[in-house]
C-alpha cells in the first residue's frame, strides 16, 4: 500500500489568465491526485495536492513548466493538510 502525502504549493510568476488552474486540475486528475487549486489576489496560484509521493513529485515537476502561456518563476512547497479530498477541484480566488 502506498502512503498518501499532502503538499501545499504556491506558484509564482505569470500564472493567472493563462489557463493555469484548469491545466493544474487536468494534470492532477491525470496523476490520480486529489485536492484543489485557486488564484490568489497577489497574482500567485495556490494548490493543495494529496496522493502518493511519487505522483506528487511528478505533479510538482509539471507545475514548474505549466501550460504553454505560463511563466513560472518559483514554487514554494510545504506540508499540507489532507482534508479527505475525493477529487481535484478549482476553488474561488482568495
PDB file of N, CA and C in Angstrom:
ATOM      1  N   UNK A   1       0.837  -1.182   0.000  1.00  0.00           N
ATOM      2  CA  UNK A   1       0.000   0.000   0.000  1.00  0.00           C
ATOM      3  C   UNK A   1       0.881   1.245   0.000  1.00  0.00           C
ATOM      4  N   UNK A   2       0.495   2.217  -0.809  1.00  0.00           N
ATOM      5  CA  UNK A   2       1.260   3.449  -0.915  1.00  0.00           C
ATOM      6  C   UNK A   2       0.749   4.472   0.084  1.00  0.00           C
ATOM      7  N   UNK A   3       1.665   5.086   0.814  1.00  0.00           N
ATOM      8  CA  UNK A   3       1.280   6.129   1.757  1.00  0.00           C
ATOM      9  C   UNK A   3       0.876   7.390   1.013  1.00  0.00           C
ATOM     10  N   UNK A   4      -0.120   8.059   1.543  1.00  0.00           N
ATOM     11  CA  UNK A   4      -0.582   9.311   0.963  1.00  0.00           C
ATOM     12  C   UNK A   4       0.094  10.468   1.674  1.00  0.00           C
ATOM     13  N   UNK A   5       0.527  11.440   0.897  1.00  0.00           N
ATOM     14  CA  UNK A   5       1.119  12.650   1.441  1.00  0.00           C
ATOM     15  C   UNK A   5       0.362  13.844   0.868  1.00  0.00           C
ATOM     16  N   UNK A   6       0.460  14.974   1.525  1.00  0.00           N
ATOM     17  CA  UNK A   6      -0.231  16.181   1.073  1.00  0.00           C
ATOM     18  C   UNK A   6       0.753  17.343   1.070  1.00  0.00           C
ATOM     19  N   UNK A   7       0.752  18.096  -0.007  1.00  0.00           N
ATOM     20  CA  UNK A   7       1.641  19.259  -0.140  1.00  0.00           C
ATOM     21  C   UNK A   7       0.822  20.509  -0.427  1.00  0.00           C
ATOM     22  N   UNK A   8       1.308  21.623   0.102  1.00  0.00           N
ATOM     23  CA  UNK A   8       0.726  22.947  -0.133  1.00  0.00           C
ATOM     24  C   UNK A   8       1.696  23.694  -1.046  1.00  0.00           C
ATOM     25  N   UNK A   9       1.224  24.107  -2.219  1.00  0.00           N
ATOM     26  CA  UNK A   9       2.065  24.791  -3.195  1.00  0.00           C
ATOM     27  C   UNK A   9       1.602  26.225  -3.398  1.00  0.00           C
ATOM     28  N   UNK A  10       2.560  27.118  -3.580  1.00  0.00           N
ATOM     29  CA  UNK A  10       2.280  28.478  -4.051  1.00  0.00           C
ATOM     30  C   UNK A  10       3.157  28.660  -5.286  1.00  0.00           C
ATOM     31  N   UNK A  11       2.510  28.951  -6.407  1.00  0.00           N
ATOM     32  CA  UNK A  11       3.189  29.084  -7.683  1.00  0.00           C
ATOM     33  C   UNK A  11       3.213  30.565  -8.045  1.00  0.00           C
ATOM     34  N   UNK A  12       4.416  31.083  -8.287  1.00  0.00           N
ATOM     35  CA  UNK A  12       4.606  32.496  -8.580  1.00  0.00           C
ATOM     36  C   UNK A  12       5.144  32.678  -9.989  1.00  0.00           C
ATOM     37  N   UNK A  13       4.785  33.786 -10.602  1.00  0.00           N
ATOM     38  CA  UNK A  13       5.203  34.116 -11.959  1.00  0.00           C
ATOM     39  C   UNK A  13       4.000  34.617 -12.733  1.00  0.00           C
ATOM     40  N   UNK A  14       4.027  34.463 -14.052  1.00  0.00           N
ATOM     41  CA  UNK A  14       2.875  34.814 -14.885  1.00  0.00           C
ATOM     42  C   UNK A  14       2.003  33.569 -14.959  1.00  0.00           C
ATOM     43  N   UNK A  15       1.128  33.409 -13.950  1.00  0.00           N
ATOM     44  CA  UNK A  15       0.362  32.168 -13.804  1.00  0.00           C
ATOM     45  C   UNK A  15      -1.149  32.393 -13.730  1.00  0.00           C
ATOM     46  N   UNK A  16      -1.601  33.627 -13.856  1.00  0.00           N
ATOM     47  CA  UNK A  16      -3.044  33.883 -13.890  1.00  0.00           C
ATOM     48  C   UNK A  16      -3.430  34.384 -15.276  1.00  0.00           C
ATOM     49  N   UNK A  17      -4.614  33.975 -15.716  1.00  0.00           N
ATOM     50  CA  UNK A  17      -5.093  34.354 -17.039  1.00  0.00           C
ATOM     51  C   UNK A  17      -4.439  33.574 -18.161  1.00  0.00           C
ATOM     52  N   UNK A  18      -3.811  32.452 -17.818  1.00  0.00           N
ATOM     53  CA  UNK A  18      -3.094  31.651 -18.816  1.00  0.00           C
ATOM     54  C   UNK A  18      -3.494  30.171 -18.746  1.00  0.00           C
ATOM     55  N   UNK A  19      -4.709  29.891 -18.191  1.00  0.00           N
ATOM     56  CA  UNK A  19      -5.236  28.528 -18.146  1.00  0.00           C
ATOM     57  C   UNK A  19      -4.534  27.679 -17.088  1.00  0.00           C
ATOM     58  N   UNK A  20      -3.833  28.308 -16.146  1.00  0.00           N
ATOM     59  CA  UNK A  20      -3.037  27.533 -15.182  1.00  0.00           C
ATOM     60  C   UNK A  20      -3.901  26.676 -14.252  1.00  0.00           C
ATOM     61  N   UNK A  21      -5.010  27.201 -13.742  1.00  0.00           N
ATOM     62  CA  UNK A  21      -5.839  26.416 -12.823  1.00  0.00           C
ATOM     63  C   UNK A  21      -6.446  25.205 -13.518  1.00  0.00           C
ATOM     64  N   UNK A  22      -7.012  25.403 -14.701  1.00  0.00           N
ATOM     65  CA  UNK A  22      -7.615  24.280 -15.422  1.00  0.00           C
ATOM     66  C   UNK A  22      -6.546  23.258 -15.804  1.00  0.00           C
ATOM     67  N   UNK A  23      -5.392  23.744 -16.222  1.00  0.00           N
ATOM     68  CA  UNK A  23      -4.285  22.852 -16.563  1.00  0.00           C
ATOM     69  C   UNK A  23      -3.838  22.055 -15.327  1.00  0.00           C
ATOM     70  N   UNK A  24      -3.788  22.729 -14.179  1.00  0.00           N
ATOM     71  CA  UNK A  24      -3.412  22.067 -12.928  1.00  0.00           C
ATOM     72  C   UNK A  24      -4.410  20.967 -12.586  1.00  0.00           C
ATOM     73  N   UNK A  25      -5.688  21.258 -12.743  1.00  0.00           N
ATOM     74  CA  UNK A  25      -6.724  20.258 -12.472  1.00  0.00           C
ATOM     75  C   UNK A  25      -6.577  19.057 -13.415  1.00  0.00           C
ATOM     76  N   UNK A  26      -6.368  19.312 -14.699  1.00  0.00           N
ATOM     77  CA  UNK A  26      -6.186  18.221 -15.661  1.00  0.00           C
ATOM     78  C   UNK A  26      -4.945  17.389 -15.327  1.00  0.00           C
ATOM     79  N   UNK A  27      -3.863  18.065 -14.952  1.00  0.00           N
ATOM     80  CA  UNK A  27      -2.628  17.370 -14.615  1.00  0.00           C
ATOM     81  C   UNK A  27      -2.813  16.503 -13.369  1.00  0.00           C
ATOM     82  N   UNK A  28      -3.445  17.054 -12.336  1.00  0.00           N
ATOM     83  CA  UNK A  28      -3.704  16.302 -11.104  1.00  0.00           C
ATOM     84  C   UNK A  28      -4.602  15.093 -11.388  1.00  0.00           C
ATOM     85  N   UNK A  29      -5.641  15.298 -12.166  1.00  0.00           N
ATOM     86  CA  UNK A  29      -6.537  14.195 -12.495  1.00  0.00           C
ATOM     87  C   UNK A  29      -5.806  13.096 -13.258  1.00  0.00           C
ATOM     88  N   UNK A  30      -4.920  13.485 -14.165  1.00  0.00           N
ATOM     89  CA  UNK A  30      -4.149  12.517 -14.927  1.00  0.00           C
ATOM     90  C   UNK A  30      -3.206  11.683 -14.067  1.00  0.00           C
ATOM     91  N   UNK A  31      -2.823  12.233 -12.918  1.00  0.00           N
ATOM     92  CA  UNK A  31      -1.936  11.531 -11.980  1.00  0.00           C
ATOM     93  C   UNK A  31      -2.704  10.912 -10.817  1.00  0.00           C
ATOM     94  N   UNK A  32      -4.035  10.954 -10.884  1.00  0.00           N
ATOM     95  CA  UNK A  32      -4.907  10.412  -9.829  1.00  0.00           C
ATOM     96  C   UNK A  32      -4.648  11.053  -8.469  1.00  0.00           C
ATOM     97  N   UNK A  33      -4.446  12.374  -8.477  1.00  0.00           N
ATOM     98  CA  UNK A  33      -4.243  13.124  -7.255  1.00  0.00           C
ATOM     99  C   UNK A  33      -5.524  13.856  -6.885  1.00  0.00           C
ATOM    100  N   UNK A  34      -5.669  14.191  -5.617  1.00  0.00           N
ATOM    101  CA  UNK A  34      -6.830  14.931  -5.145  1.00  0.00           C
ATOM    102  C   UNK A  34      -6.374  16.241  -4.517  1.00  0.00           C
ATOM    103  N   UNK A  35      -7.324  17.153  -4.305  1.00  0.00           N
ATOM    104  CA  UNK A  35      -7.018  18.431  -3.682  1.00  0.00           C
ATOM    105  C   UNK A  35      -7.754  19.558  -4.361  1.00  0.00           C
ATOM    106  N   UNK A  36      -7.105  20.715  -4.436  1.00  0.00           N
ATOM    107  CA  UNK A  36      -7.721  21.886  -5.064  1.00  0.00           C
ATOM    108  C   UNK A  36      -6.667  22.881  -5.525  1.00  0.00           C
ATOM    109  N   UNK A  37      -7.116  23.814  -6.371  1.00  0.00           N
ATOM    110  CA  UNK A  37      -6.266  24.900  -6.869  1.00  0.00           C
ATOM    111  C   UNK A  37      -7.105  26.167  -6.908  1.00  0.00           C
ATOM    112  N   UNK A  38      -6.473  27.322  -6.666  1.00  0.00           N
ATOM    113  CA  UNK A  38      -7.165  28.596  -6.773  1.00  0.00           C
ATOM    114  C   UNK A  38      -6.171  29.718  -7.049  1.00  0.00           C
ATOM    115  N   UNK A  39      -6.676  30.797  -7.640  1.00  0.00           N
ATOM    116  CA  UNK A  39      -5.893  32.013  -7.788  1.00  0.00           C
ATOM    117  C   UNK A  39      -5.842  32.725  -6.448  1.00  0.00           C
ATOM    118  N   UNK A  40      -4.751  33.443  -6.240  1.00  0.00           N
ATOM    119  CA  UNK A  40      -4.631  34.311  -5.068  1.00  0.00           C
ATOM    120  C   UNK A  40      -4.645  35.756  -5.538  1.00  0.00           C
ATOM    121  N   UNK A  41      -5.135  36.640  -4.693  1.00  0.00           N
ATOM    122  CA  UNK A  41      -5.234  38.047  -5.059  1.00  0.00           C
ATOM    123  C   UNK A  41      -3.880  38.680  -5.329  1.00  0.00           C
ATOM    124  N   UNK A  42      -2.802  38.065  -4.827  1.00  0.00           N
ATOM    125  CA  UNK A  42      -1.462  38.615  -5.063  1.00  0.00           C
ATOM    126  C   UNK A  42      -0.885  38.207  -6.419  1.00  0.00           C
ATOM    127  N   UNK A  43      -1.662  37.493  -7.243  1.00  0.00           N
ATOM    128  CA  UNK A  43      -1.209  37.099  -8.576  1.00  0.00           C
ATOM    129  C   UNK A  43      -0.633  35.702  -8.646  1.00  0.00           C
ATOM    130  N   UNK A  44      -0.500  35.034  -7.508  1.00  0.00           N
ATOM    131  CA  UNK A  44       0.018  33.667  -7.500  1.00  0.00           C
ATOM    132  C   UNK A  44      -1.124  32.668  -7.632  1.00  0.00           C
ATOM    133  N   UNK A  45      -0.765  31.413  -7.741  1.00  0.00           N
ATOM    134  CA  UNK A  45      -1.720  30.309  -7.723  1.00  0.00           C
ATOM    135  C   UNK A  45      -1.372  29.439  -6.525  1.00  0.00           C
ATOM    136  N   UNK A  46      -2.386  28.992  -5.802  1.00  0.00           N
ATOM    137  CA  UNK A  46      -2.212  28.153  -4.618  1.00  0.00           C
ATOM    138  C   UNK A  46      -2.861  26.801  -4.879  1.00  0.00           C
ATOM    139  N   UNK A  47      -2.221  25.744  -4.424  1.00  0.00           N
ATOM    140  CA  UNK A  47      -2.787  24.402  -4.593  1.00  0.00           C
ATOM    141  C   UNK A  47      -2.481  23.540  -3.376  1.00  0.00           C
ATOM    142  N   UNK A  48      -3.407  22.674  -3.066  1.00  0.00           N
ATOM    143  CA  UNK A  48      -3.205  21.593  -2.103  1.00  0.00           C
ATOM    144  C   UNK A  48      -3.357  20.317  -2.915  1.00  0.00           C
ATOM    145  N   UNK A  49      -2.372  19.445  -2.833  1.00  0.00           N
ATOM    146  CA  UNK A  49      -2.402  18.213  -3.615  1.00  0.00           C
ATOM    147  C   UNK A  49      -2.094  17.040  -2.699  1.00  0.00           C
ATOM    148  N   UNK A  50      -2.862  15.956  -2.871  1.00  0.00           N
ATOM    149  CA  UNK A  50      -2.741  14.800  -1.994  1.00  0.00           C
ATOM    150  C   UNK A  50      -2.699  13.520  -2.833  1.00  0.00           C
ATOM    151  N   UNK A  51      -1.820  12.608  -2.430  1.00  0.00           N
ATOM    152  CA  UNK A  51      -1.685  11.325  -3.130  1.00  0.00           C
ATOM    153  C   UNK A  51      -0.341  10.705  -2.831  1.00  0.00           C
ATOM    154  N   UNK A  52       0.021   9.670  -3.588  1.00  0.00           N
ATOM    155  CA  UNK A  52       1.336   9.041  -3.400  1.00  0.00           C
ATOM    156  C   UNK A  52       2.462  10.042  -3.683  1.00  0.00           C
ATOM    157  N   UNK A  53       3.484  10.017  -2.863  1.00  0.00           N
ATOM    158  CA  UNK A  53       4.571  10.992  -3.006  1.00  0.00           C
ATOM    159  C   UNK A  53       5.200  10.966  -4.391  1.00  0.00           C
ATOM    160  N   UNK A  54       5.343   9.787  -4.987  1.00  0.00           N
ATOM    161  CA  UNK A  54       5.948   9.714  -6.316  1.00  0.00           C
ATOM    162  C   UNK A  54       5.108  10.462  -7.350  1.00  0.00           C
ATOM    163  N   UNK A  55       3.787  10.395  -7.224  1.00  0.00           N
ATOM    164  CA  UNK A  55       2.902  11.107  -8.143  1.00  0.00           C
ATOM    165  C   UNK A  55       2.929  12.612  -7.869  1.00  0.00           C
ATOM    166  N   UNK A  56       3.022  12.986  -6.606  1.00  0.00           N
ATOM    167  CA  UNK A  56       3.107  14.414  -6.261  1.00  0.00           C
ATOM    168  C   UNK A  56       4.393  15.010  -6.816  1.00  0.00           C
ATOM    169  N   UNK A  57       5.493  14.275  -6.772  1.00  0.00           N
ATOM    170  CA  UNK A  57       6.754  14.780  -7.321  1.00  0.00           C
ATOM    171  C   UNK A  57       6.622  15.005  -8.834  1.00  0.00           C
ATOM    172  N   UNK A  58       5.927  14.114  -9.537  1.00  0.00           N
ATOM    173  CA  UNK A  58       5.672  14.302 -10.970  1.00  0.00           C
ATOM    174  C   UNK A  58       4.819  15.550 -11.191  1.00  0.00           C
ATOM    175  N   UNK A  59       3.826  15.743 -10.336  1.00  0.00           N
ATOM    176  CA  UNK A  59       2.941  16.896 -10.417  1.00  0.00           C
ATOM    177  C   UNK A  59       3.739  18.189 -10.225  1.00  0.00           C
ATOM    178  N   UNK A  60       4.587  18.234  -9.214  1.00  0.00           N
ATOM    179  CA  UNK A  60       5.382  19.432  -8.940  1.00  0.00           C
ATOM    180  C   UNK A  60       6.320  19.726 -10.103  1.00  0.00           C
ATOM    181  N   UNK A  61       6.926  18.698 -10.651  1.00  0.00           N
ATOM    182  CA  UNK A  61       7.809  18.893 -11.807  1.00  0.00           C
ATOM    183  C   UNK A  61       7.025  19.497 -12.967  1.00  0.00           C
ATOM    184  N   UNK A  62       5.817  18.990 -13.211  1.00  0.00           N
ATOM    185  CA  UNK A  62       4.976  19.528 -14.283  1.00  0.00           C
ATOM    186  C   UNK A  62       4.588  20.973 -13.990  1.00  0.00           C
ATOM    187  N   UNK A  63       4.319  21.288 -12.720  1.00  0.00           N
ATOM    188  CA  UNK A  63       3.917  22.650 -12.350  1.00  0.00           C
ATOM    189  C   UNK A  63       5.011  23.669 -12.630  1.00  0.00           C
ATOM    190  N   UNK A  64       6.266  23.251 -12.602  1.00  0.00           N
ATOM    191  CA  UNK A  64       7.361  24.161 -12.933  1.00  0.00           C
ATOM    192  C   UNK A  64       7.283  24.583 -14.394  1.00  0.00           C
ATOM    193  N   UNK A  65       6.734  23.736 -15.245  1.00  0.00           N
ATOM    194  CA  UNK A  65       6.561  24.057 -16.661  1.00  0.00           C
ATOM    195  C   UNK A  65       5.244  24.798 -16.886  1.00  0.00           C
ATOM    196  N   UNK A  66       4.145  24.260 -16.347  1.00  0.00           N
ATOM    197  CA  UNK A  66       2.833  24.869 -16.510  1.00  0.00           C
ATOM    198  C   UNK A  66       2.329  24.792 -17.939  1.00  0.00           C
ATOM    199  N   UNK A  67       1.185  25.409 -18.197  1.00  0.00           N
ATOM    200  CA  UNK A  67       0.650  25.439 -19.555  1.00  0.00           C
ATOM    201  C   UNK A  67       1.501  26.352 -20.442  1.00  0.00           C
ATOM    202  N   UNK A  68       1.262  26.280 -21.715  1.00  0.00           N
ATOM    203  CA  UNK A  68       2.102  26.962 -22.704  1.00  0.00           C
ATOM    204  C   UNK A  68       2.297  28.453 -22.458  1.00  0.00           C
ATOM    205  N   UNK A  69       1.248  29.166 -22.065  1.00  0.00           N
ATOM    206  CA  UNK A  69       1.340  30.614 -21.912  1.00  0.00           C
ATOM    207  C   UNK A  69       1.870  31.068 -20.549  1.00  0.00           C
ATOM    208  N   UNK A  70       2.059  30.151 -19.634  1.00  0.00           N
ATOM    209  CA  UNK A  70       2.518  30.497 -18.283  1.00  0.00           C
ATOM    210  C   UNK A  70       4.038  30.644 -18.235  1.00  0.00           C
ATOM    211  N   UNK A  71       4.491  31.463 -17.300  1.00  0.00           N
ATOM    212  CA  UNK A  71       5.908  31.569 -16.962  1.00  0.00           C
ATOM    213  C   UNK A  71       6.006  31.406 -15.453  1.00  0.00           C
ATOM    214  N   UNK A  72       6.559  30.291 -15.004  1.00  0.00           N
ATOM    215  CA  UNK A  72       6.681  30.013 -13.576  1.00  0.00           C
ATOM    216  C   UNK A  72       8.053  30.471 -13.110  1.00  0.00           C
ATOM    217  N   UNK A  73       8.059  31.380 -12.133  1.00  0.00           N
ATOM    218  CA  UNK A  73       9.318  31.861 -11.561  1.00  0.00           C
ATOM    219  C   UNK A  73       9.784  30.957 -10.430  1.00  0.00           C
ATOM    220  N   UNK A  74       8.877  30.646  -9.518  1.00  0.00           N
ATOM    221  CA  UNK A  74       9.235  29.817  -8.371  1.00  0.00           C
ATOM    222  C   UNK A  74       7.990  29.148  -7.803  1.00  0.00           C
ATOM    223  N   UNK A  75       8.217  28.050  -7.098  1.00  0.00           N
ATOM    224  CA  UNK A  75       7.145  27.348  -6.393  1.00  0.00           C
ATOM    225  C   UNK A  75       7.594  27.108  -4.968  1.00  0.00           C
ATOM    226  N   UNK A  76       6.790  27.556  -4.010  1.00  0.00           N
ATOM    227  CA  UNK A  76       7.074  27.220  -2.614  1.00  0.00           C
ATOM    228  C   UNK A  76       6.292  25.953  -2.284  1.00  0.00           C
ATOM    229  N   UNK A  77       6.944  25.047  -1.588  1.00  0.00           N
ATOM    230  CA  UNK A  77       6.352  23.740  -1.273  1.00  0.00           C
ATOM    231  C   UNK A  77       6.451  23.522   0.230  1.00  0.00           C
ATOM    232  N   UNK A  78       5.294  23.273   0.844  1.00  0.00           N
ATOM    233  CA  UNK A  78       5.235  22.986   2.272  1.00  0.00           C
ATOM    234  C   UNK A  78       4.330  21.787   2.494  1.00  0.00           C
ATOM    235  N   UNK A  79       4.393  21.240   3.704  1.00  0.00           N
ATOM    236  CA  UNK A  79       3.470  20.165   4.052  1.00  0.00           C
ATOM    237  C   UNK A  79       2.056  20.733   4.057  1.00  0.00           C
ATOM    238  N   UNK A  80       1.107  19.937   3.600  1.00  0.00           N
ATOM    239  CA  UNK A  80      -0.285  20.365   3.582  1.00  0.00           C
ATOM    240  C   UNK A  80      -1.126  19.479   4.477  1.00  0.00           C
ATOM    241  N   UNK A  81      -2.386  19.875   4.651  1.00  0.00           N
ATOM    242  CA  UNK A  81      -3.329  19.109   5.465  1.00  0.00           C
ATOM    243  C   UNK A  81      -4.309  18.411   4.539  1.00  0.00           C
ATOM    244  N   UNK A  82      -4.407  17.099   4.661  1.00  0.00           N
ATOM    245  CA  UNK A  82      -5.360  16.332   3.868  1.00  0.00           C
ATOM    246  C   UNK A  82      -6.742  16.494   4.497  1.00  0.00           C
ATOM    247  N   UNK A  83      -7.624  17.111   3.742  1.00  0.00           N
ATOM    248  CA  UNK A  83      -8.981  17.361   4.221  1.00  0.00           C
ATOM    249  C   UNK A  83      -9.952  16.269   3.781  1.00  0.00           C
ATOM    250  N   UNK A  84      -9.427  15.090   3.424  1.00  0.00           N
ATOM    251  CA  UNK A  84     -10.281  13.999   2.980  1.00  0.00           C
ATOM    252  C   UNK A  84     -10.795  14.213   1.563  1.00  0.00           C
ATOM    253  N   UNK A  85      -9.949  14.774   0.708  1.00  0.00           N
ATOM    254  CA  UNK A  85     -10.342  15.065  -0.664  1.00  0.00           C
ATOM    255  C   UNK A  85     -10.760  13.796  -1.408  1.00  0.00           C
ATOM    256  N   UNK A  86     -11.752  13.942  -2.285  1.00  0.00           N
ATOM    257  CA  UNK A  86     -12.176  12.818  -3.126  1.00  0.00           C
ATOM    258  C   UNK A  86     -11.941  13.105  -4.602  1.00  0.00           C
ATOM    259  N   UNK A  87     -11.627  14.360  -4.931  1.00  0.00           N
ATOM    260  CA  UNK A  87     -11.329  14.742  -6.315  1.00  0.00           C
ATOM    261  C   UNK A  87     -10.436  15.981  -6.284  1.00  0.00           C
ATOM    262  N   UNK A  88     -10.170  16.552  -7.450  1.00  0.00           N
ATOM    263  CA  UNK A  88      -9.349  17.760  -7.534  1.00  0.00           C
ATOM    264  C   UNK A  88     -10.212  18.862  -8.127  1.00  0.00           C
ATOM    265  N   UNK A  89     -10.405  19.942  -7.364  1.00  0.00           N
ATOM    266  CA  UNK A  89     -11.336  20.986  -7.764  1.00  0.00           C
ATOM    267  C   UNK A  89     -10.643  22.338  -7.943  1.00  0.00           C
ATOM    268  N   UNK A  90     -11.329  23.220  -8.649  1.00  0.00           N
ATOM    269  CA  UNK A  90     -10.910  24.615  -8.779  1.00  0.00           C
ATOM    270  C   UNK A  90     -11.758  25.427  -7.814  1.00  0.00           C
ATOM    271  N   UNK A  91     -11.088  26.143  -6.927  1.00  0.00           N
ATOM    272  CA  UNK A  91     -11.795  26.970  -5.939  1.00  0.00           C
ATOM    273  C   UNK A  91     -11.754  28.432  -6.344  1.00  0.00           C
ATOM    274  N   UNK A  92     -12.612  29.219  -5.691  1.00  0.00           N
ATOM    275  CA  UNK A  92     -12.663  30.656  -5.961  1.00  0.00           C
ATOM    276  C   UNK A  92     -11.401  31.341  -5.450  1.00  0.00           C
ATOM    277  N   UNK A  93     -11.096  32.468  -6.055  1.00  0.00           N
ATOM    278  CA  UNK A  93      -9.941  33.276  -5.676  1.00  0.00           C
ATOM    279  C   UNK A  93     -10.010  33.667  -4.204  1.00  0.00           C
ATOM    280  N   UNK A  94      -8.857  33.647  -3.565  1.00  0.00           N
ATOM    281  CA  UNK A  94      -8.781  34.034  -2.140  1.00  0.00           C
ATOM    282  C   UNK A  94      -7.769  35.145  -1.959  1.00  0.00           C
TER     283      UNK A  94
END
